[in-house]
Amino acid sequence: MPRRRLRRSELATPAVSVKMMRKGLLETAADEVFFDLEASVPDTHKDVARRNVVEVLKDVEKPRGKTVAFRINAVETKFWYDDLHHIISNVGPKIDCVIVPKVNSKNDIELVDKVLKVLEDENGIETPIGIEAIIETAEGLLRCGEIAFSSQRLESFIFGPGDYAASLGISSLVIGGHVEEYPGHIWYYPLFTIRNASAAAGLQAIDGPYALYTDMQGFEKSARISKSLGFEGKWAIHPSQIELCNRIYTPSREEVEKAKKIVEAYEKAVAEGLGAISVDGVMVDDATIKIAMRIFEMQKLLTY
């Protein structure tokens, strides 16, 4: 079963800025902080960015409960192998996960998996490093199902609305933003497809960025929609988005109490030989219990 981590908020920090990486890692309440070597780093600064990641992590004690990751460049580029080799060879034990962008097929994940295994063996890293796959192209979305089962390292799918919009020719210039001309939620299909594939493989699903970080109302709308589809968290591109992420993707006290009431009533009914019951006017059966247990699983992650 793939490992599940607390990922209500995944904070993106550009690897060209040591200051921003340190602040994200040590001074924020993000569940996961990832250092970006891809979109936020010009081609001419890839080497500098790799060295910066090593500088930030080499002498730091990783905050308890925080997941540390870095985003490599896409495997179709000339940069991805050096990204992995340099960072894993220097600070591999400090890394929990590698985020792979623009995943188009299972071959992309299988390739990264094999390289990670070699690097772990060479550097004496005993705990396997996880992988998060960004689904952000038409081809990647089409092959979600096969990608989801491509590696035991795979922990989550992440939706990348910016590149996905570009691959389809959608005209929204605000990454992850709402397109008012569209009669509905424009990201519903890719979100639902990603969640369906991730659920089939037991993976977590993480919503992508909302680039207009001053629009907190729009950000909240985006997050609540993905949560309603079973997503467990969302990217934050600015520290101001972290608190909202953590609050929205945390089960409320009312949700937890209702789940507890349902489970207790159902267990009592089963003991009495009943297969389905009514709780507060709502029919409850084994499917309802599975939903309730998922709330409890999130609670466990919160106290891990």
Foldseek 3Di string as FASTA:
>chain_A
DADDAQQLEEEEDELLDLVRQLCVQPPAPGQEYEYELEDVHDPVCSVVSLVSVLVNQVPDDGDPRHAYEYEAYAPVDPTRLVSCQSNCQRRVLNHQAYEHEPDQELVRVLVVQVSQVVSCVVRVPDDRHAYEYEQADPNSLVHLQRNLPSDSRYAEYEYFQPSHCVNVVNDDPFTLFADVVDPDGPCVVSLLSRLVNNVVSVHAYEYEDGRVVVCQVRVLVSLLVSVVSPHQHYYDHDSVCRVSSVVNNQDDPVLLVVLVVLVVVCVVCVVVVDAWDDDPRDIDHVVSNVVSVVNVVSVVSVVD
